[in-house]
Amino acid sequence: MRSQKEKLNILERAPQSLGALGQDTARKILKGALEDEDFFKTCPPLFVGWELTRACNLRCRHCYNAAGTAQPDELTREEGFDFLQHLADHGTVGMLLGGGEPLLRKEFFEWAEFAANHGINITVNTNGTLIDKETAQKMKDSGIVNVQVSIDGLFHVHNTIRGAPWAFERATEAIWNLFEIEMPVTVITTVMRSNMYNVGDLIDWLKDEYGGMVNQMFCRVKMVGRAMETGEIITGKEYLDVCHVIADHYGFTGMWSCIPYPYMIDLKTTDNFIRTVVNTSLGKRLYPERIQSRLQGDENAAEVIMGAVGGNCKAGTYMVNMGPQGDVVACVELPVIAGNIREKPLIDIWYQTKLFNDLREKKERIGGKCRNCSYMEFCGGGCRADAYNFYGDYLAPDPMCIPPGGWPLG
């Protein structure tokens, strides 16, 4: 057990995190979007998620791919290296390594180091239960720049969701092990039926335990995978209620916490925050020079950035995902396979398939209630996975969205 003095010493050195993208990747993407309004219609896959394996040491109630056992014929060691080289050759700047539990893949550190040595910023999405001090140091030594640890509730809430009585203790200790070697950490919290009334308590605990140094991001449980069998799916209204709890605890930082409702963001406060941060060392690493000129006038900084990046869902715009056997999808929760890298290079799948061509033009092609919504410019049409899993059409409106005053809007 660490003493309070030891914890304070660690927190003095702990770096801030900005989520999966990391600072360098986010800066490159934002720079492109600010300089060219059609950037996301022509850019290569700048950020790639790779599920290394289906193997997992937990059995989470909401897991979108019902992970547990490795699949037959997952990519080989050499296929993995070839894939990473392909990404480096075609402009990928960031990656998210996930699973299953990615640390169970024996090639994990080799692949991470290879990618980092080829200019790709690596983030890891993990349940945290395997990250002791030695593993944390190996992660840093291999060039990983950011770690996402999944925590869905306090103590028994998290343990029940994850299916293991030790899950919470190990995950929270992993954060300390990562902070100790100065690794940025983001906590990912999936809101579902089992924790929807405990989100505020978790936020308060994380702030208290880690001195506000943990960046927490939220997502709603999706209508796919194990959640469909365990009763964890919640309604749009229930998630909106939870988002109000999140906003009450974090205030304007709902912008950074993946709250999907732009009307909940305090634009004036966020504008003041960005204008302050942009001149700090953190801001200079994150925001490209272009933002400085845009902020000379009266434009709201939050509106400038949200308008440039086009909402929370980046599937198919600059982001793509690949499963353990090489299947390529826009999002891990959107089960439409565009191709397989064993049959066609990723860059060809990216530019030549209907799925990605549709998603690059989604603002013009999404139908229903989203088409004429005044928030379309900021939200980008919401979640394409929810649209597909509910309607069977990834260009349908987001079924979980509730605008202010309800539908119809206008």
Foldseek 3Di string as FASTA:
>chain_A
DDDPVRLVVLLVLAAAALPQCGQQSLAVQLVQLLVDVLSLLDAFQQEEEEAQFLDAPWQFQQDQARGHDGDPQFDDPVSLLVQLVLCLVRNHQEYEYHHNARVVPPCSLVSLLSNQVSRHAYEYEHCQLPQDLVNLVSCVVSRHAEYEHEAAAPQPLRCVRGVHNCSRVRRVVSVSSNSNVRHHYEYEYEQWPSCLVGVLVVLVVCCVSSVPRYHYAYHYRACHDSNVVNVGHDALVSVVVSLVSVCVSVPQCSVSRQPLAVVRHPQVVVQVVLVVCCPDPSNVSRHDPSLVVVPPDDDRSSCSSLLSCQADQCQLRNYWYAYRNFFIGSDPLAPDTQDGCVVPNPRCSSPPGPRSSCLSVLLCQQDDQLVPDPCCSRHVQPDLSQVCSPVVGSSYGRNSDAHVVGPPDD
